[in-house]
Amino acid sequence: MAAQNRDILNEQTYVIISDFLSFSSSSDEDEYFLRNPRRIVPKMKNFLQIAHQYSDHDFKSHFRVSRATAYDIINNFENSTFYSDDTSHEGIKPSSAESHVLSFLWFAGNKVCLRDVAQRFGICATTIFRQNKRMMDFLCDIAGNVIKFSDKENTANEFLQIAGFPKVLGCIDGTFIKVRTPAHKIKSTYVNRHDIPSITLQGICDARKRFIDTFTGIPSKIHDARVLKLSDICDELPGICEAGKYHILGDGAYPIREWLIIPFKDYGNLSAKDKQFNKMLSATRVLIENAFGLLKGRFRQLIEVDLHTVDKISKFITSCCVLHNLCIDNNDNFDVDIVIENNEDYNNEGRGQQEALLRRLGEVKRNQLMNVLFP
């Protein structure tokens, strides 16, 4: 009888594993496991104990952050309202804060799907979905305290040391985050100029490559200049820059403003001073490209986000930006090969008197900077 029971159990286990492996995407898993919450899937045991034995180098290689950074996040999450260690009504002890954070870091830092993370950490699939949601909610909740403008004078001085460009508060650009077409959306709405479905992350960084503002969720079919106009920071920047006292730097995709300085367009007639101005601006503005490179290099899930809805994708991207800043704040450096993305210039001269006035004010500001740099 015992042997017969073992045969039946082995056969059931084989069927369960076969059903489990037939699903290859996160959205299919999401729907499948929420519909079948009681399915039993073999899982790895005691992976957290294995992680405890990693050397500091191996820990950072796998989780993409240092052990000190990870456990600092664990401590903050454990003391937040997003985590509760109360035993559930079924008498099941919930996953630890350590399990929440490390499983999320594993997912964010490696090209894996959630069911792989669930098996590795010995957690059922429905639980890993809930843990990921708690972590994203937690990181998005603290984003306002982590992604923000800091002391303006200190920031301007830090930028000045890079290439000698004065009164800079940040560098702005947009980058594509490749996604599969979100649920209930039309693919053509989300394709970028490379015909790849993607969502734009607009970022502004400081001289340390920390993000001081992020905005995402917009289809990459929309141009960077339009994304800026749609973002909340667009209306706030004139005040932040104190009516032109300070400014941020952008590339030719953006319209020039008193608070947004872009290079001179090269139609073959630039003077030596114009070219030197562009060189200094580009040497400073490249920091935002470096920041995007570090972000995607550390959190490799951003190479192609395989989540199902725009809301989840946006929260995940923002969560990674928060983690990026926390790493920099903890001097948790990460060596990656940074790829500089080339954006096409946007040659929109603007329409209407207001646009012409704003452009003229920006050009006056740029000429003033020229006089300061090259008296």
Protein backbone atom coordinates (compact mmCIF):
# COMPACT_ATOMS: atom_id res chain seq x y z
CA MET A 1 0.00 0.00 0.00
CA ALA A 2 2.83 2.41 0.87
CA ALA A 3 4.53 1.74 -2.46
CA GLN A 4 1.24 2.34 -4.29
CA ASN A 5 0.76 5.66 -2.50
CA ARG A 6 4.31 6.70 -3.49
CA ASP A 7 3.57 5.89 -7.14
CA ILE A 8 0.38 7.96 -7.03
CA LEU A 9 2.26 10.88 -5.40
CA ASN A 10 5.04 10.72 -7.98
CA GLU A 11 2.51 10.71 -10.81
CA GLN A 12 0.67 13.73 -9.32
CA THR A 13 3.97 15.55 -8.87
CA TYR A 14 4.91 14.91 -12.51
CA VAL A 15 1.55 16.31 -13.70
CA ILE A 16 1.91 19.38 -11.49
CA ILE A 17 5.45 20.09 -12.75
CA SER A 18 4.37 19.59 -16.36
CA ASP A 19 1.50 22.05 -15.92
CA PHE A 20 3.81 24.49 -14.17
CA LEU A 21 6.51 24.46 -16.84
CA SER A 22 3.99 24.98 -19.63
CA PHE A 23 3.67 28.63 -18.64
CA SER A 24 6.44 30.90 -19.92
CA SER A 25 5.31 34.45 -19.16
CA SER A 26 4.61 36.42 -16.01
CA SER A 27 1.10 37.42 -17.06
CA ASP A 28 0.13 33.82 -17.80
CA GLU A 29 1.51 32.81 -14.41
CA ASP A 30 -0.40 35.63 -12.74
CA GLU A 31 -3.71 34.51 -14.18
CA TYR A 32 -2.97 30.80 -13.76
CA PHE A 33 -1.93 30.83 -10.13
CA LEU A 34 -4.61 33.23 -9.00
CA ARG A 35 -7.11 30.86 -10.61
CA ASN A 36 -5.43 27.80 -9.02
CA PRO A 37 -4.07 29.03 -5.67
CA ARG A 38 -3.88 25.57 -4.08
CA ARG A 39 -1.60 23.94 -6.66
CA ILE A 40 1.47 22.44 -5.01
CA VAL A 41 4.79 22.95 -6.78
CA PRO A 42 8.15 21.53 -5.64
CA LYS A 43 10.37 24.32 -4.32
CA MET A 44 13.98 24.80 -3.23
CA LYS A 45 14.45 24.65 0.51
CA ASN A 46 16.58 26.90 2.72
CA PHE A 47 17.85 29.21 -0.02
CA LEU A 48 18.11 32.10 2.45
CA GLN A 49 20.55 30.02 4.49
CA ILE A 50 22.57 29.48 1.33
CA ALA A 51 22.54 33.24 0.66
CA HIS A 52 23.85 33.84 4.19
CA GLN A 53 26.95 31.81 3.28
CA TYR A 54 27.73 33.86 0.16
CA SER A 55 30.87 35.95 0.30
CA ASP A 56 30.30 39.69 0.02
CA HIS A 57 31.44 39.55 -3.61
CA ASP A 58 29.10 36.68 -4.50
CA PHE A 59 26.20 38.31 -2.64
CA LYS A 60 26.59 41.50 -4.66
CA SER A 61 27.05 39.55 -7.88
CA HIS A 62 23.73 37.74 -7.38
CA PHE A 63 21.59 40.40 -5.70
CA ARG A 64 23.23 43.37 -7.49
CA VAL A 65 23.56 45.37 -4.26
CA SER A 66 25.94 45.03 -1.35
CA ARG A 67 24.94 43.06 1.74
CA ALA A 68 24.97 46.28 3.80
CA THR A 69 22.59 48.02 1.38
CA ALA A 70 20.27 45.01 1.24
CA TYR A 71 19.97 44.70 5.02
CA ASP A 72 19.49 48.43 5.41
CA ILE A 73 16.49 48.13 3.05
CA ILE A 74 15.27 45.05 4.96
CA ASN A 75 15.36 46.98 8.24
CA ASN A 76 13.42 49.92 6.77
CA PHE A 77 10.85 47.64 5.14
CA GLU A 78 10.36 45.62 8.33
CA ASN A 79 9.55 48.80 10.24
CA SER A 80 7.15 50.11 7.60
CA THR A 81 3.39 49.74 7.38
CA PHE A 82 3.79 47.65 4.22
CA TYR A 83 5.09 44.66 6.17
CA SER A 84 3.28 42.72 8.86
CA ASP A 85 4.59 39.63 10.65
CA ASP A 86 1.21 38.74 12.16
CA THR A 87 0.22 35.11 11.67
CA SER A 88 -2.57 34.73 9.10
CA HIS A 89 -6.05 33.46 9.91
CA GLU A 90 -5.01 30.02 8.61
CA GLY A 91 -2.19 29.84 11.13
CA ILE A 92 0.51 30.20 8.50
CA LYS A 93 3.50 32.33 9.46
CA PRO A 94 4.08 35.02 6.78
CA SER A 95 7.32 35.39 4.88
CA SER A 96 10.03 37.40 6.61
CA ALA A 97 11.04 40.91 5.62
CA GLU A 98 14.35 39.41 4.51
CA SER A 99 12.52 37.08 2.13
CA HIS A 100 10.49 39.99 0.73
CA VAL A 101 13.51 42.17 -0.01
CA LEU A 102 15.97 39.55 -1.23
CA SER A 103 13.42 37.89 -3.53
CA PHE A 104 12.58 41.28 -5.05
CA LEU A 105 16.27 42.13 -5.50
CA TRP A 106 16.83 38.76 -7.18
CA PHE A 107 13.94 39.40 -9.56
CA ALA A 108 15.03 42.99 -10.32
CA GLY A 109 18.70 42.13 -10.77
CA ASN A 110 18.42 39.03 -12.95
CA LYS A 111 16.58 38.07 -16.12
CA VAL A 112 14.21 35.62 -14.46
CA CYS A 113 10.45 35.24 -14.22
CA LEU A 114 8.56 35.31 -10.94
CA ARG A 115 7.88 31.57 -10.89
CA ASP A 116 11.65 30.97 -10.96
CA VAL A 117 12.05 33.32 -7.97
CA ALA A 118 9.19 31.55 -6.17
CA GLN A 119 10.85 28.15 -6.55
CA ARG A 120 14.28 29.46 -5.56
CA PHE A 121 13.01 31.09 -2.34
CA GLY A 122 10.65 28.23 -1.44
CA ILE A 123 7.54 30.39 -1.79
CA CYS A 124 4.32 29.59 -3.60
CA ALA A 125 3.60 31.63 -6.73
CA THR A 126 0.68 33.61 -5.34
CA THR A 127 2.83 34.64 -2.37
CA ILE A 128 5.66 35.91 -4.54
CA PHE A 129 3.21 38.08 -6.50
CA ARG A 130 1.94 39.61 -3.26
CA GLN A 131 5.48 40.10 -1.92
CA ASN A 132 6.54 41.86 -5.10
CA LYS A 133 3.51 44.14 -4.88
CA ARG A 134 4.30 45.02 -1.25
CA MET A 135 7.90 45.81 -2.14
CA MET A 136 6.96 48.01 -5.09
CA ASP A 137 4.37 49.83 -2.98
CA PHE A 138 6.97 50.36 -0.24
CA LEU A 139 9.66 51.65 -2.61
CA CYS A 140 7.24 53.92 -4.46
CA ASP A 141 6.02 55.27 -1.11
CA ILE A 142 9.53 56.34 -0.06
CA ALA A 143 10.39 57.62 -3.55
CA GLY A 144 9.50 61.19 -2.58
CA ASN A 145 12.17 61.14 0.14
CA VAL A 146 14.80 59.47 -2.04
CA ILE A 147 14.28 60.99 -5.50
CA LYS A 148 14.35 64.73 -4.94
CA PHE A 149 16.32 67.93 -5.54
CA SER A 150 18.92 68.68 -2.88
CA ASP A 151 20.81 71.84 -1.91
CA LYS A 152 21.04 73.91 -5.09
CA GLU A 153 24.34 75.67 -4.45
CA ASN A 154 26.14 72.45 -3.55
CA THR A 155 24.68 70.72 -6.61
CA ALA A 156 25.76 73.56 -8.90
CA ASN A 157 29.29 73.45 -7.44
CA GLU A 158 29.51 69.69 -8.01
CA PHE A 159 28.48 70.13 -11.65
CA LEU A 160 30.95 73.00 -12.05
CA GLN A 161 33.81 70.64 -11.17
CA ILE A 162 32.95 68.29 -14.05
CA ALA A 163 33.42 70.48 -17.12
CA GLY A 164 33.20 74.05 -15.86
CA PHE A 165 29.53 74.58 -16.76
CA PRO A 166 27.96 76.98 -14.20
CA LYS A 167 24.65 76.96 -12.30
CA VAL A 168 23.54 73.46 -13.33
CA LEU A 169 20.99 71.67 -11.14
CA GLY A 170 20.56 68.53 -13.23
CA CYS A 171 20.69 66.77 -16.59
CA ILE A 172 17.55 65.52 -18.30
CA ASP A 173 16.90 62.82 -20.89
CA GLY A 174 14.60 59.94 -21.70
CA THR A 175 15.39 56.27 -22.20
CA PHE A 176 13.44 53.35 -23.63
CA ILE A 177 12.44 50.51 -21.30
CA LYS A 178 11.59 47.57 -23.52
CA VAL A 179 8.32 45.84 -22.61
CA ARG A 180 5.95 43.43 -24.19
CA THR A 181 2.72 45.05 -25.26
CA PRO A 182 0.72 45.72 -22.06
CA ALA A 183 -2.61 43.98 -21.55
CA HIS A 184 -5.56 45.43 -23.47
CA LYS A 185 -3.27 47.87 -25.32
CA ILE A 186 -2.52 48.24 -29.01
CA LYS A 187 1.08 47.42 -29.93
CA SER A 188 1.43 50.29 -32.41
CA THR A 189 0.72 52.75 -29.58
CA TYR A 190 3.82 51.62 -27.68
CA VAL A 191 6.42 51.03 -30.40
CA ASN A 192 9.42 53.35 -30.48
CA ARG A 193 11.36 54.48 -33.55
CA HIS A 194 13.04 51.04 -33.63
CA ASP A 195 9.59 49.39 -33.88
CA ILE A 196 9.99 47.85 -30.41
CA PRO A 197 7.24 48.10 -27.76
CA SER A 198 8.64 50.20 -24.93
CA ILE A 199 7.85 52.72 -22.23
CA THR A 200 9.82 55.93 -21.71
CA LEU A 201 11.59 56.69 -18.46
CA GLN A 202 12.32 60.41 -18.20
CA GLY A 203 15.03 61.11 -15.66
CA ILE A 204 16.83 64.11 -14.23
CA CYS A 205 20.07 63.33 -12.40
CA ASP A 206 22.52 65.27 -10.28
CA ALA A 207 26.33 65.27 -10.49
CA ARG A 208 26.52 61.98 -8.54
CA LYS A 209 24.24 60.27 -11.11
CA ARG A 210 21.42 60.11 -8.57
CA PHE A 211 17.94 60.60 -9.93
CA ILE A 212 16.37 63.80 -8.62
CA ASP A 213 13.21 63.36 -10.66
CA THR A 214 11.67 60.50 -12.65
CA PHE A 215 8.56 60.18 -14.78
CA THR A 216 7.46 57.01 -16.54
CA GLY A 217 4.49 55.11 -17.93
CA ILE A 218 4.33 57.03 -21.22
CA PRO A 219 4.53 55.04 -24.49
CA SER A 220 7.86 55.51 -26.29
CA LYS A 221 6.01 56.50 -29.44
CA ILE A 222 5.75 59.95 -27.82
CA HIS A 223 8.76 62.21 -28.27
CA ASP A 224 10.95 63.30 -25.35
CA ALA A 225 9.84 66.93 -25.65
CA ARG A 226 6.20 65.89 -25.35
CA VAL A 227 6.99 63.59 -22.42
CA LEU A 228 8.55 66.54 -20.58
CA LYS A 229 5.47 68.63 -21.24
CA LEU A 230 3.24 65.88 -19.84
CA SER A 231 5.30 65.48 -16.67
CA ASP A 232 4.58 67.33 -13.43
CA ILE A 233 8.14 68.61 -13.20
CA CYS A 234 7.68 70.73 -16.33
CA ASP A 235 5.52 73.27 -14.48
CA GLU A 236 7.73 73.14 -11.38
CA LEU A 237 11.14 73.65 -13.01
CA PRO A 238 10.81 77.44 -13.61
CA GLY A 239 10.29 77.89 -9.87
CA ILE A 240 12.98 75.38 -8.90
CA CYS A 241 15.45 77.18 -11.17
CA GLU A 242 14.50 80.52 -9.60
CA ALA A 243 13.50 82.40 -12.75
CA GLY A 244 16.63 81.51 -14.69
CA LYS A 245 19.25 81.73 -11.94
CA TYR A 246 19.82 78.00 -12.33
CA HIS A 247 19.10 75.59 -15.18
CA ILE A 248 19.11 71.97 -16.23
CA LEU A 249 20.86 70.61 -19.33
CA GLY A 250 19.24 68.66 -22.16
CA ASP A 251 20.04 67.55 -25.68
CA GLY A 252 18.62 68.81 -28.95
CA ALA A 253 15.42 66.86 -28.44
CA TYR A 254 14.19 69.52 -26.00
CA PRO A 255 13.07 73.11 -26.61
CA ILE A 256 15.37 75.75 -25.19
CA ARG A 257 14.13 77.66 -22.15
CA GLU A 258 15.58 79.92 -19.47
CA TRP A 259 15.65 76.89 -17.20
CA LEU A 260 16.57 74.31 -19.87
CA ILE A 261 19.75 74.83 -21.88
CA ILE A 262 20.47 72.77 -25.00
CA PRO A 263 23.43 72.79 -27.44
CA PHE A 264 23.66 75.06 -30.48
CA LYS A 265 22.36 73.22 -33.52
CA ASP A 266 25.15 72.52 -35.96
CA TYR A 267 24.22 73.60 -39.49
CA GLY A 268 27.87 73.88 -40.47
CA ASN A 269 28.33 77.49 -39.39
CA LEU A 270 29.20 77.19 -35.69
CA SER A 271 31.99 79.38 -34.35
CA ALA A 272 34.84 78.00 -32.28
CA LYS A 273 33.16 79.33 -29.12
CA ASP A 274 29.86 77.67 -30.08
CA LYS A 275 31.62 74.33 -30.52
CA GLN A 276 33.44 74.68 -27.22
CA PHE A 277 30.15 75.57 -25.51
CA ASN A 278 28.54 72.43 -26.95
CA LYS A 279 31.50 70.33 -25.86
CA MET A 280 31.31 71.57 -22.27
CA LEU A 281 27.54 71.09 -22.18
CA SER A 282 27.77 67.55 -23.58
CA ALA A 283 30.56 66.60 -21.18
CA THR A 284 28.23 67.56 -18.33
CA ARG A 285 24.96 66.29 -19.77
CA VAL A 286 26.40 62.81 -20.42
CA LEU A 287 25.90 62.07 -16.71
CA ILE A 288 22.23 61.28 -17.32
CA GLU A 289 23.24 58.74 -19.98
CA ASN A 290 25.66 57.24 -17.46
CA ALA A 291 22.90 57.11 -14.84
CA PHE A 292 20.61 55.18 -17.20
CA GLY A 293 23.47 52.82 -18.03
CA LEU A 294 24.14 52.13 -14.35
CA LEU A 295 20.43 51.62 -13.66
CA LYS A 296 19.95 49.07 -16.44
CA GLY A 297 23.29 47.40 -15.78
CA ARG A 298 22.52 46.82 -12.11
CA PHE A 299 18.85 45.89 -12.48
CA ARG A 300 18.87 43.69 -15.54
CA GLN A 301 15.13 43.08 -15.47
CA LEU A 302 14.91 46.55 -17.04
CA ILE A 303 16.49 45.20 -20.22
CA GLU A 304 13.00 43.92 -20.97
CA VAL A 305 10.27 44.16 -18.35
CA ASP A 306 7.92 41.20 -18.55
CA LEU A 307 5.03 42.49 -16.44
CA HIS A 308 1.44 42.62 -17.53
CA THR A 309 0.05 46.12 -16.97
CA VAL A 310 1.31 49.68 -17.40
CA ASP A 311 0.71 50.33 -13.70
CA LYS A 312 2.91 47.40 -12.62
CA ILE A 313 5.60 48.29 -15.15
CA SER A 314 5.66 51.93 -14.00
CA LYS A 315 5.86 50.95 -10.32
CA PHE A 316 8.66 48.50 -11.04
CA ILE A 317 10.70 51.08 -12.99
CA THR A 318 10.24 53.66 -10.21
CA SER A 319 11.20 51.04 -7.61
CA CYS A 320 14.46 50.35 -9.45
CA CYS A 321 15.20 54.10 -9.58
CA VAL A 322 14.72 54.29 -5.80
CA LEU A 323 17.06 51.33 -5.30
CA HIS A 324 19.60 53.00 -7.61
CA ASN A 325 19.62 56.11 -5.39
CA LEU A 326 19.82 54.09 -2.18
CA CYS A 327 22.90 52.31 -3.53
CA ILE A 328 24.60 55.62 -4.36
CA ASP A 329 23.70 57.03 -0.94
CA ASN A 330 25.37 53.97 0.63
CA ASN A 331 28.46 54.31 -1.62
CA ASP A 332 27.47 50.96 -3.10
CA ASN A 333 29.25 51.24 -6.45
CA PHE A 334 28.69 48.91 -9.35
CA ASP A 335 30.92 48.46 -12.39
CA VAL A 336 29.06 48.02 -15.67
CA ASP A 337 29.78 48.79 -19.31
CA ILE A 338 27.80 51.97 -19.91
CA VAL A 339 26.10 52.22 -23.29
CA ILE A 340 25.38 55.76 -24.44
CA GLU A 341 22.10 56.00 -26.29
CA ASN A 342 21.92 58.28 -29.29
CA ASN A 343 18.70 60.24 -29.52
CA GLU A 344 17.65 61.91 -32.73
CA ASP A 345 17.52 65.69 -32.67
CA TYR A 346 14.08 67.16 -32.56
CA ASN A 347 13.95 70.19 -34.82
CA ASN A 348 10.65 71.75 -33.76
CA GLU A 349 10.74 75.54 -34.03
CA GLY A 350 7.57 75.95 -32.00
CA ARG A 351 4.24 77.49 -32.80
CA GLY A 352 2.66 80.70 -31.55
CA GLN A 353 3.89 83.82 -29.85
CA GLN A 354 4.27 82.20 -26.41
CA GLU A 355 6.55 79.48 -27.76
CA ALA A 356 8.62 82.05 -29.65
CA LEU A 357 8.98 84.17 -26.52
CA LEU A 358 10.03 81.21 -24.38
CA ARG A 359 12.60 80.17 -26.97
CA ARG A 360 13.95 83.71 -27.18
CA LEU A 361 14.35 83.90 -23.39
CA GLY A 362 16.22 80.59 -23.50
CA GLU A 363 18.51 81.85 -26.25
CA VAL A 364 19.23 85.03 -24.28
CA LYS A 365 20.13 82.87 -21.26
CA ARG A 366 22.42 80.71 -23.40
CA ASN A 367 24.17 83.78 -24.79
CA GLN A 368 24.69 85.06 -21.23
CA LEU A 369 26.32 81.75 -20.36
CA MET A 370 28.54 82.10 -23.42
CA ASN A 371 29.71 85.49 -22.18
CA VAL A 372 30.46 84.03 -18.75
CA LEU A 373 32.36 81.05 -20.13
CA PHE A 374 34.15 82.89 -22.92
CA PRO A 375 34.47 86.59 -21.92
